[in-house]
Amino acid sequence: MDEQLINVTCEAADGGFVCAVRVGADAGATTHRVTVSETTLADLAPAAGDPRELVEASFRFLLEREPRESILRAFDLPLIGRYFPEFPTEIRGRVGP
């Protein structure tokens, strides 16, 4: 996989965060809307103050498994675990202290 630029911006929302993600800097760049609850953030990245690092690491995880065009355009972060059961364990290792 080519290393792709991942840009993540997050805003606080009711009970968590809404993140805008752009994958790539070329004409084929994709955009995504990802929601992250405070509970999910505490579970997957307990030391994090905001979800940006978690979301970026999650997209790197996804890009190792599928092209950016295959990633859903809008989803709740835990949904990744339905498609890739190893996600929670692996992502904790990537963003842990």
PDB file of N, CA and C in Angstrom:
ATOM      1  N   MET A   1       0.844  -1.193   0.000  1.00  0.00           N
ATOM      2  CA  MET A   1       0.000   0.000   0.000  1.00  0.00           C
ATOM      3  C   MET A   1       0.875   1.237   0.000  1.00  0.00           C
ATOM      4  N   ASP A   2       0.547   2.206  -0.819  1.00  0.00           N
ATOM      5  CA  ASP A   2       1.226   3.485  -0.796  1.00  0.00           C
ATOM      6  C   ASP A   2       0.786   4.243   0.452  1.00  0.00           C
ATOM      7  N   GLU A   3       1.731   4.957   1.047  1.00  0.00           N
ATOM      8  CA  GLU A   3       1.389   5.780   2.205  1.00  0.00           C
ATOM      9  C   GLU A   3       0.495   6.918   1.724  1.00  0.00           C
ATOM     10  N   GLN A   4      -0.674   7.048   2.298  1.00  0.00           N
ATOM     11  CA  GLN A   4      -1.621   8.068   1.864  1.00  0.00           C
ATOM     12  C   GLN A   4      -1.792   9.125   2.947  1.00  0.00           C
ATOM     13  N   LEU A   5      -1.950  10.355   2.500  1.00  0.00           N
ATOM     14  CA  LEU A   5      -2.203  11.451   3.415  1.00  0.00           C
ATOM     15  C   LEU A   5      -3.591  11.282   4.022  1.00  0.00           C
ATOM     16  N   ILE A   6      -3.664  11.363   5.332  1.00  0.00           N
ATOM     17  CA  ILE A   6      -4.944  11.278   6.033  1.00  0.00           C
ATOM     18  C   ILE A   6      -5.066  12.544   6.869  1.00  0.00           C
ATOM     19  N   ASN A   7      -6.087  13.333   6.590  1.00  0.00           N
ATOM     20  CA  ASN A   7      -6.329  14.563   7.332  1.00  0.00           C
ATOM     21  C   ASN A   7      -7.604  14.389   8.156  1.00  0.00           C
ATOM     22  N   VAL A   8      -7.487  14.592   9.462  1.00  0.00           N
ATOM     23  CA  VAL A   8      -8.619  14.394  10.367  1.00  0.00           C
ATOM     24  C   VAL A   8      -8.879  15.676  11.151  1.00  0.00           C
ATOM     25  N   THR A   9     -10.130  16.127  11.139  1.00  0.00           N
ATOM     26  CA  THR A   9     -10.553  17.223  12.005  1.00  0.00           C
ATOM     27  C   THR A   9     -11.785  16.743  12.763  1.00  0.00           C
ATOM     28  N   CYS A  10     -11.846  17.067  14.041  1.00  0.00           N
ATOM     29  CA  CYS A  10     -12.955  16.594  14.877  1.00  0.00           C
ATOM     30  C   CYS A  10     -13.587  17.760  15.632  1.00  0.00           C
ATOM     31  N   GLU A  11     -14.881  17.657  15.813  1.00  0.00           N
ATOM     32  CA  GLU A  11     -15.622  18.626  16.610  1.00  0.00           C
ATOM     33  C   GLU A  11     -16.408  17.869  17.670  1.00  0.00           C
ATOM     34  N   ALA A  12     -16.506  18.474  18.845  1.00  0.00           N
ATOM     35  CA  ALA A  12     -17.306  17.870  19.907  1.00  0.00           C
ATOM     36  C   ALA A  12     -18.763  17.857  19.479  1.00  0.00           C
ATOM     37  N   ALA A  13     -19.435  16.766  19.803  1.00  0.00           N
ATOM     38  CA  ALA A  13     -20.860  16.616  19.520  1.00  0.00           C
ATOM     39  C   ALA A  13     -21.489  15.989  20.757  1.00  0.00           C
ATOM     40  N   ASP A  14     -22.775  15.868  20.759  1.00  0.00           N
ATOM     41  CA  ASP A  14     -23.477  15.305  21.910  1.00  0.00           C
ATOM     42  C   ASP A  14     -22.956  13.909  22.228  1.00  0.00           C
ATOM     43  N   GLY A  15     -22.277  13.756  23.362  1.00  0.00           N
ATOM     44  CA  GLY A  15     -21.794  12.452  23.807  1.00  0.00           C
ATOM     45  C   GLY A  15     -20.563  11.953  23.092  1.00  0.00           C
ATOM     46  N   GLY A  16     -19.895  12.829  22.343  1.00  0.00           N
ATOM     47  CA  GLY A  16     -18.705  12.379  21.633  1.00  0.00           C
ATOM     48  C   GLY A  16     -18.205  13.386  20.630  1.00  0.00           C
ATOM     49  N   PHE A  17     -17.838  12.889  19.462  1.00  0.00           N
ATOM     50  CA  PHE A  17     -17.205  13.719  18.445  1.00  0.00           C
ATOM     51  C   PHE A  17     -17.692  13.324  17.050  1.00  0.00           C
ATOM     52  N   VAL A  18     -17.652  14.288  16.155  1.00  0.00           N
ATOM     53  CA  VAL A  18     -17.884  14.040  14.734  1.00  0.00           C
ATOM     54  C   VAL A  18     -16.595  14.454  14.032  1.00  0.00           C
ATOM     55  N   CYS A  19     -16.032  13.530  13.261  1.00  0.00           N
ATOM     56  CA  CYS A  19     -14.760  13.783  12.593  1.00  0.00           C
ATOM     57  C   CYS A  19     -14.923  13.758  11.086  1.00  0.00           C
ATOM     58  N   ALA A  20     -14.287  14.719  10.443  1.00  0.00           N
ATOM     59  CA  ALA A  20     -14.220  14.760   8.986  1.00  0.00           C
ATOM     60  C   ALA A  20     -12.848  14.221   8.601  1.00  0.00           C
ATOM     61  N   VAL A  21     -12.836  13.277   7.680  1.00  0.00           N
ATOM     62  CA  VAL A  21     -11.594  12.624   7.274  1.00  0.00           C
ATOM     63  C   VAL A  21     -11.447  12.758   5.762  1.00  0.00           C
ATOM     64  N   ARG A  22     -10.266  13.167   5.352  1.00  0.00           N
ATOM     65  CA  ARG A  22      -9.942  13.210   3.917  1.00  0.00           C
ATOM     66  C   ARG A  22      -8.751  12.292   3.710  1.00  0.00           C
ATOM     67  N   VAL A  23      -8.896  11.370   2.757  1.00  0.00           N
ATOM     68  CA  VAL A  23      -7.827  10.425   2.454  1.00  0.00           C
ATOM     69  C   VAL A  23      -7.283  10.753   1.071  1.00  0.00           C
ATOM     70  N   GLY A  24      -6.033  11.177   1.031  1.00  0.00           N
ATOM     71  CA  GLY A  24      -5.380  11.522  -0.219  1.00  0.00           C
ATOM     72  C   GLY A  24      -5.375  13.011  -0.468  1.00  0.00           C
ATOM     73  N   ALA A  25      -4.438  13.431  -1.319  1.00  0.00           N
ATOM     74  CA  ALA A  25      -4.337  14.836  -1.691  1.00  0.00           C
ATOM     75  C   ALA A  25      -4.512  14.999  -3.193  1.00  0.00           C
ATOM     76  N   ASP A  26      -4.855  13.923  -3.864  1.00  0.00           N
ATOM     77  CA  ASP A  26      -5.003  13.938  -5.309  1.00  0.00           C
ATOM     78  C   ASP A  26      -6.464  14.133  -5.711  1.00  0.00           C
ATOM     79  N   ALA A  27      -6.723  14.112  -6.998  1.00  0.00           N
ATOM     80  CA  ALA A  27      -8.084  14.304  -7.504  1.00  0.00           C
ATOM     81  C   ALA A  27      -9.030  13.192  -7.057  1.00  0.00           C
ATOM     82  N   GLY A  28      -8.497  12.042  -6.722  1.00  0.00           N
ATOM     83  CA  GLY A  28      -9.328  10.918  -6.286  1.00  0.00           C
ATOM     84  C   GLY A  28      -9.504  10.835  -4.781  1.00  0.00           C
ATOM     85  N   ALA A  29      -9.125  11.883  -4.058  1.00  0.00           N
ATOM     86  CA  ALA A  29      -9.240  11.873  -2.595  1.00  0.00           C
ATOM     87  C   ALA A  29     -10.683  11.568  -2.180  1.00  0.00           C
ATOM     88  N   THR A  30     -10.817  10.865  -1.079  1.00  0.00           N
ATOM     89  CA  THR A  30     -12.145  10.532  -0.566  1.00  0.00           C
ATOM     90  C   THR A  30     -12.384  11.275   0.739  1.00  0.00           C
ATOM     91  N   THR A  31     -13.649  11.537   1.044  1.00  0.00           N
ATOM     92  CA  THR A  31     -14.003  12.193   2.299  1.00  0.00           C
ATOM     93  C   THR A  31     -14.967  11.299   3.062  1.00  0.00           C
ATOM     94  N   HIS A  32     -14.855  11.370   4.384  1.00  0.00           N
ATOM     95  CA  HIS A  32     -15.622  10.492   5.255  1.00  0.00           C
ATOM     96  C   HIS A  32     -16.060  11.261   6.490  1.00  0.00           C
ATOM     97  N   ARG A  33     -17.177  10.828   7.061  1.00  0.00           N
ATOM     98  CA  ARG A  33     -17.694  11.398   8.313  1.00  0.00           C
ATOM     99  C   ARG A  33     -17.745  10.256   9.320  1.00  0.00           C
ATOM    100  N   VAL A  34     -17.008  10.400  10.403  1.00  0.00           N
ATOM    101  CA  VAL A  34     -16.895   9.339  11.398  1.00  0.00           C
ATOM    102  C   VAL A  34     -17.326   9.875  12.756  1.00  0.00           C
ATOM    103  N   THR A  35     -18.216   9.154  13.412  1.00  0.00           N
ATOM    104  CA  THR A  35     -18.609   9.537  14.760  1.00  0.00           C
ATOM    105  C   THR A  35     -17.876   8.654  15.761  1.00  0.00           C
ATOM    106  N   VAL A  36     -17.470   9.281  16.859  1.00  0.00           N
ATOM    107  CA  VAL A  36     -16.751   8.586  17.925  1.00  0.00           C
ATOM    108  C   VAL A  36     -17.384   9.001  19.241  1.00  0.00           C
ATOM    109  N   SER A  37     -17.984   8.066  19.935  1.00  0.00           N
ATOM    110  CA  SER A  37     -18.581   8.396  21.237  1.00  0.00           C
ATOM    111  C   SER A  37     -17.478   8.516  22.282  1.00  0.00           C
ATOM    112  N   GLU A  38     -17.795   9.204  23.363  1.00  0.00           N
ATOM    113  CA  GLU A  38     -16.834   9.301  24.469  1.00  0.00           C
ATOM    114  C   GLU A  38     -16.514   7.912  25.008  1.00  0.00           C
ATOM    115  N   THR A  39     -17.494   7.027  25.012  1.00  0.00           N
ATOM    116  CA  THR A  39     -17.289   5.653  25.482  1.00  0.00           C
ATOM    117  C   THR A  39     -16.297   4.915  24.592  1.00  0.00           C
ATOM    118  N   THR A  40     -16.452   5.059  23.275  1.00  0.00           N
ATOM    119  CA  THR A  40     -15.526   4.411  22.345  1.00  0.00           C
ATOM    120  C   THR A  40     -14.119   4.961  22.518  1.00  0.00           C
ATOM    121  N   LEU A  41     -13.991   6.279  22.644  1.00  0.00           N
ATOM    122  CA  LEU A  41     -12.683   6.893  22.842  1.00  0.00           C
ATOM    123  C   LEU A  41     -12.036   6.366  24.122  1.00  0.00           C
ATOM    124  N   ALA A  42     -12.802   6.295  25.196  1.00  0.00           N
ATOM    125  CA  ALA A  42     -12.270   5.799  26.473  1.00  0.00           C
ATOM    126  C   ALA A  42     -11.865   4.328  26.375  1.00  0.00           C
ATOM    127  N   ASP A  43     -12.583   3.557  25.583  1.00  0.00           N
ATOM    128  CA  ASP A  43     -12.287   2.134  25.432  1.00  0.00           C
ATOM    129  C   ASP A  43     -11.054   1.885  24.563  1.00  0.00           C
ATOM    130  N   LEU A  44     -10.980   2.566  23.425  1.00  0.00           N
ATOM    131  CA  LEU A  44      -9.922   2.275  22.464  1.00  0.00           C
ATOM    132  C   LEU A  44      -8.668   3.124  22.634  1.00  0.00           C
ATOM    133  N   ALA A  45      -8.808   4.323  23.197  1.00  0.00           N
ATOM    134  CA  ALA A  45      -7.661   5.218  23.389  1.00  0.00           C
ATOM    135  C   ALA A  45      -7.834   5.982  24.694  1.00  0.00           C
ATOM    136  N   PRO A  46      -7.760   5.266  25.826  1.00  0.00           N
ATOM    137  CA  PRO A  46      -8.078   5.887  27.117  1.00  0.00           C
ATOM    138  C   PRO A  46      -7.230   7.096  27.489  1.00  0.00           C
ATOM    139  N   ALA A  47      -6.021   7.210  26.968  1.00  0.00           N
ATOM    140  CA  ALA A  47      -5.163   8.345  27.317  1.00  0.00           C
ATOM    141  C   ALA A  47      -5.397   9.555  26.414  1.00  0.00           C
ATOM    142  N   ALA A  48      -6.214   9.397  25.389  1.00  0.00           N
ATOM    143  CA  ALA A  48      -6.419  10.475  24.420  1.00  0.00           C
ATOM    144  C   ALA A  48      -7.418  11.506  24.924  1.00  0.00           C
ATOM    145  N   GLY A  49      -7.144  12.757  24.657  1.00  0.00           N
ATOM    146  CA  GLY A  49      -8.074  13.825  25.004  1.00  0.00           C
ATOM    147  C   GLY A  49      -9.090  14.080  23.909  1.00  0.00           C
ATOM    148  N   ASP A  50      -8.698  13.742  22.682  1.00  0.00           N
ATOM    149  CA  ASP A  50      -9.618  13.865  21.550  1.00  0.00           C
ATOM    150  C   ASP A  50      -9.356  12.679  20.617  1.00  0.00           C
ATOM    151  N   PRO A  51     -10.241  12.430  19.677  1.00  0.00           N
ATOM    152  CA  PRO A  51     -10.154  11.212  18.880  1.00  0.00           C
ATOM    153  C   PRO A  51      -9.307  11.289  17.608  1.00  0.00           C
ATOM    154  N   ARG A  52      -8.628  12.399  17.343  1.00  0.00           N
ATOM    155  CA  ARG A  52      -7.924  12.529  16.058  1.00  0.00           C
ATOM    156  C   ARG A  52      -6.922  11.404  15.807  1.00  0.00           C
ATOM    157  N   GLU A  53      -6.070  11.117  16.787  1.00  0.00           N
ATOM    158  CA  GLU A  53      -5.064  10.056  16.608  1.00  0.00           C
ATOM    159  C   GLU A  53      -5.743   8.699  16.412  1.00  0.00           C
ATOM    160  N   LEU A  54      -6.791   8.449  17.181  1.00  0.00           N
ATOM    161  CA  LEU A  54      -7.529   7.192  17.057  1.00  0.00           C
ATOM    162  C   LEU A  54      -8.140   7.052  15.661  1.00  0.00           C
ATOM    163  N   VAL A  55      -8.750   8.100  15.169  1.00  0.00           N
ATOM    164  CA  VAL A  55      -9.393   8.049  13.849  1.00  0.00           C
ATOM    165  C   VAL A  55      -8.339   7.882  12.754  1.00  0.00           C
ATOM    166  N   GLU A  56      -7.236   8.608  12.859  1.00  0.00           N
ATOM    167  CA  GLU A  56      -6.180   8.458  11.851  1.00  0.00           C
ATOM    168  C   GLU A  56      -5.627   7.038  11.857  1.00  0.00           C
ATOM    169  N   ALA A  57      -5.346   6.499  13.034  1.00  0.00           N
ATOM    170  CA  ALA A  57      -4.843   5.128  13.123  1.00  0.00           C
ATOM    171  C   ALA A  57      -5.865   4.135  12.584  1.00  0.00           C
ATOM    172  N   SER A  58      -7.139   4.403  12.812  1.00  0.00           N
ATOM    173  CA  SER A  58      -8.198   3.524  12.313  1.00  0.00           C
ATOM    174  C   SER A  58      -8.235   3.524  10.790  1.00  0.00           C
ATOM    175  N   PHE A  59      -8.028   4.691  10.183  1.00  0.00           N
ATOM    176  CA  PHE A  59      -7.999   4.749   8.720  1.00  0.00           C
ATOM    177  C   PHE A  59      -6.752   4.067   8.167  1.00  0.00           C
ATOM    178  N   ARG A  60      -5.626   4.176   8.846  1.00  0.00           N
ATOM    179  CA  ARG A  60      -4.427   3.456   8.401  1.00  0.00           C
ATOM    180  C   ARG A  60      -4.694   1.944   8.457  1.00  0.00           C
ATOM    181  N   PHE A  61      -5.360   1.510   9.524  1.00  0.00           N
ATOM    182  CA  PHE A  61      -5.754   0.104   9.666  1.00  0.00           C
ATOM    183  C   PHE A  61      -6.612  -0.316   8.476  1.00  0.00           C
ATOM    184  N   LEU A  62      -7.618   0.486   8.147  1.00  0.00           N
ATOM    185  CA  LEU A  62      -8.508   0.163   7.032  1.00  0.00           C
ATOM    186  C   LEU A  62      -7.762   0.140   5.702  1.00  0.00           C
ATOM    187  N   LEU A  63      -6.884   1.108   5.486  1.00  0.00           N
ATOM    188  CA  LEU A  63      -6.161   1.200   4.220  1.00  0.00           C
ATOM    189  C   LEU A  63      -5.184   0.049   4.014  1.00  0.00           C
ATOM    190  N   GLU A  64      -4.799  -0.612   5.093  1.00  0.00           N
ATOM    191  CA  GLU A  64      -3.963  -1.808   4.977  1.00  0.00           C
ATOM    192  C   GLU A  64      -4.774  -2.984   4.439  1.00  0.00           C
ATOM    193  N   ARG A  65      -6.105  -2.858   4.486  1.00  0.00           N
ATOM    194  CA  ARG A  65      -6.992  -3.962   4.131  1.00  0.00           C
ATOM    195  C   ARG A  65      -7.861  -3.715   2.903  1.00  0.00           C
ATOM    196  N   GLU A  66      -8.043  -2.441   2.555  1.00  0.00           N
ATOM    197  CA  GLU A  66      -8.909  -2.125   1.417  1.00  0.00           C
ATOM    198  C   GLU A  66      -8.555  -0.757   0.851  1.00  0.00           C
ATOM    199  N   PRO A  67      -8.925  -0.510  -0.412  1.00  0.00           N
ATOM    200  CA  PRO A  67      -8.648   0.805  -0.998  1.00  0.00           C
ATOM    201  C   PRO A  67      -9.548   1.883  -0.390  1.00  0.00           C
ATOM    202  N   ARG A  68      -9.093   3.101  -0.458  1.00  0.00           N
ATOM    203  CA  ARG A  68      -9.849   4.208   0.152  1.00  0.00           C
ATOM    204  C   ARG A  68     -11.266   4.322  -0.403  1.00  0.00           C
ATOM    205  N   GLU A  69     -11.451   3.944  -1.659  1.00  0.00           N
ATOM    206  CA  GLU A  69     -12.772   4.036  -2.283  1.00  0.00           C
ATOM    207  C   GLU A  69     -13.769   3.044  -1.684  1.00  0.00           C
ATOM    208  N   SER A  70     -13.269   2.018  -1.011  1.00  0.00           N
ATOM    209  CA  SER A  70     -14.145   1.013  -0.409  1.00  0.00           C
ATOM    210  C   SER A  70     -14.576   1.363   1.012  1.00  0.00           C
ATOM    211  N   ILE A  71     -13.947   2.359   1.606  1.00  0.00           N
ATOM    212  CA  ILE A  71     -14.281   2.749   2.978  1.00  0.00           C
ATOM    213  C   ILE A  71     -15.607   3.505   2.965  1.00  0.00           C
ATOM    214  N   LEU A  72     -16.501   3.142   3.868  1.00  0.00           N
ATOM    215  CA  LEU A  72     -17.804   3.806   3.953  1.00  0.00           C
ATOM    216  C   LEU A  72     -17.631   5.319   4.093  1.00  0.00           C
ATOM    217  N   ARG A  73     -18.543   6.063   3.544  1.00  0.00           N
ATOM    218  CA  ARG A  73     -18.457   7.533   3.588  1.00  0.00           C
ATOM    219  C   ARG A  73     -18.882   8.103   4.929  1.00  0.00           C
ATOM    220  N   ALA A  74     -19.715   7.384   5.659  1.00  0.00           N
ATOM    221  CA  ALA A  74     -20.151   7.832   6.988  1.00  0.00           C
ATOM    222  C   ALA A  74     -20.390   6.604   7.851  1.00  0.00           C
ATOM    223  N   PHE A  75     -19.802   6.605   9.046  1.00  0.00           N
ATOM    224  CA  PHE A  75     -19.988   5.466   9.944  1.00  0.00           C
ATOM    225  C   PHE A  75     -19.561   5.823  11.366  1.00  0.00           C
ATOM    226  N   ASP A  76     -20.020   4.998  12.289  1.00  0.00           N
ATOM    227  CA  ASP A  76     -19.623   5.089  13.691  1.00  0.00           C
ATOM    228  C   ASP A  76     -18.382   4.218  13.845  1.00  0.00           C
ATOM    229  N   LEU A  77     -17.330   4.718  14.464  1.00  0.00           N
ATOM    230  CA  LEU A  77     -16.040   4.034  14.512  1.00  0.00           C
ATOM    231  C   LEU A  77     -16.113   2.554  14.899  1.00  0.00           C
ATOM    232  N   PRO A  78     -16.903   2.154  15.906  1.00  0.00           N
ATOM    233  CA  PRO A  78     -16.933   0.731  16.272  1.00  0.00           C
ATOM    234  C   PRO A  78     -17.406  -0.199  15.150  1.00  0.00           C
ATOM    235  N   LEU A  79     -18.044   0.346  14.122  1.00  0.00           N
ATOM    236  CA  LEU A  79     -18.503  -0.477  13.006  1.00  0.00           C
ATOM    237  C   LEU A  79     -17.338  -1.221  12.345  1.00  0.00           C
ATOM    238  N   ILE A  80     -16.147  -0.654  12.405  1.00  0.00           N
ATOM    239  CA  ILE A  80     -14.979  -1.310  11.810  1.00  0.00           C
ATOM    240  C   ILE A  80     -14.825  -2.721  12.376  1.00  0.00           C
ATOM    241  N   GLY A  81     -15.086  -2.885  13.678  1.00  0.00           N
ATOM    242  CA  GLY A  81     -14.949  -4.183  14.327  1.00  0.00           C
ATOM    243  C   GLY A  81     -15.909  -5.242  13.801  1.00  0.00           C
ATOM    244  N   ARG A  82     -17.018  -4.843  13.187  1.00  0.00           N
ATOM    245  CA  ARG A  82     -17.939  -5.813  12.596  1.00  0.00           C
ATOM    246  C   ARG A  82     -17.341  -6.446  11.349  1.00  0.00           C
ATOM    247  N   TYR A  83     -16.586  -5.648  10.612  1.00  0.00           N
ATOM    248  CA  TYR A  83     -15.954  -6.134   9.379  1.00  0.00           C
ATOM    249  C   TYR A  83     -14.595  -6.777   9.643  1.00  0.00           C
ATOM    250  N   PHE A  84     -13.907  -6.254  10.654  1.00  0.00           N
ATOM    251  CA  PHE A  84     -12.565  -6.740  10.994  1.00  0.00           C
ATOM    252  C   PHE A  84     -12.521  -6.983  12.502  1.00  0.00           C
ATOM    253  N   PRO A  85     -12.822  -8.213  12.938  1.00  0.00           N
ATOM    254  CA  PRO A  85     -12.907  -8.501  14.375  1.00  0.00           C
ATOM    255  C   PRO A  85     -11.625  -8.193  15.156  1.00  0.00           C
ATOM    256  N   GLU A  86     -10.486  -8.172  14.487  1.00  0.00           N
ATOM    257  CA  GLU A  86      -9.227  -7.884  15.169  1.00  0.00           C
ATOM    258  C   GLU A  86      -9.037  -6.394  15.452  1.00  0.00           C
ATOM    259  N   PHE A  87      -9.915  -5.556  14.925  1.00  0.00           N
ATOM    260  CA  PHE A  87      -9.749  -4.109  15.031  1.00  0.00           C
ATOM    261  C   PHE A  87      -9.570  -3.597  16.460  1.00  0.00           C
ATOM    262  N   PRO A  88     -10.478  -3.896  17.405  1.00  0.00           N
ATOM    263  CA  PRO A  88     -10.313  -3.302  18.747  1.00  0.00           C
ATOM    264  C   PRO A  88      -8.965  -3.624  19.393  1.00  0.00           C
ATOM    265  N   THR A  89      -8.559  -4.869  19.329  1.00  0.00           N
ATOM    266  CA  THR A  89      -7.295  -5.259  19.952  1.00  0.00           C
ATOM    267  C   THR A  89      -6.114  -4.598  19.251  1.00  0.00           C
ATOM    268  N   GLU A  90      -6.124  -4.633  17.934  1.00  0.00           N
ATOM    269  CA  GLU A  90      -4.996  -4.069  17.192  1.00  0.00           C
ATOM    270  C   GLU A  90      -4.916  -2.548  17.344  1.00  0.00           C
ATOM    271  N   ILE A  91      -6.047  -1.876  17.330  1.00  0.00           N
ATOM    272  CA  ILE A  91      -6.015  -0.413  17.400  1.00  0.00           C
ATOM    273  C   ILE A  91      -5.576   0.060  18.781  1.00  0.00           C
ATOM    274  N   ARG A  92      -5.931  -0.668  19.816  1.00  0.00           N
ATOM    275  CA  ARG A  92      -5.469  -0.298  21.160  1.00  0.00           C
ATOM    276  C   ARG A  92      -3.940  -0.324  21.211  1.00  0.00           C
ATOM    277  N   GLY A  93      -3.340  -1.291  20.542  1.00  0.00           N
ATOM    278  CA  GLY A  93      -1.880  -1.371  20.504  1.00  0.00           C
ATOM    279  C   GLY A  93      -1.243  -0.240  19.717  1.00  0.00           C
ATOM    280  N   ARG A  94      -1.949   0.288  18.762  1.00  0.00           N
ATOM    281  CA  ARG A  94      -1.413   1.355  17.920  1.00  0.00           C
ATOM    282  C   ARG A  94      -1.509   2.723  18.585  1.00  0.00           C
ATOM    283  N   VAL A  95      -2.535   2.944  19.403  1.00  0.00           N
ATOM    284  CA  VAL A  95      -2.716   4.268  20.001  1.00  0.00           C
ATOM    285  C   VAL A  95      -2.523   4.268  21.512  1.00  0.00           C
ATOM    286  N   GLY A  96      -2.152   3.128  22.059  1.00  0.00           N
ATOM    287  CA  GLY A  96      -1.964   3.039  23.505  1.00  0.00           C
ATOM    288  C   GLY A  96      -0.769   3.859  23.967  1.00  0.00           C
ATOM    289  N   PRO A  97      -0.692   4.055  25.270  1.00  0.00           N
ATOM    290  CA  PRO A  97       0.411   4.865  25.833  1.00  0.00           C
ATOM    291  C   PRO A  97       1.766   4.251  25.609  1.00  0.00           C
TER     292      PRO A  97
END
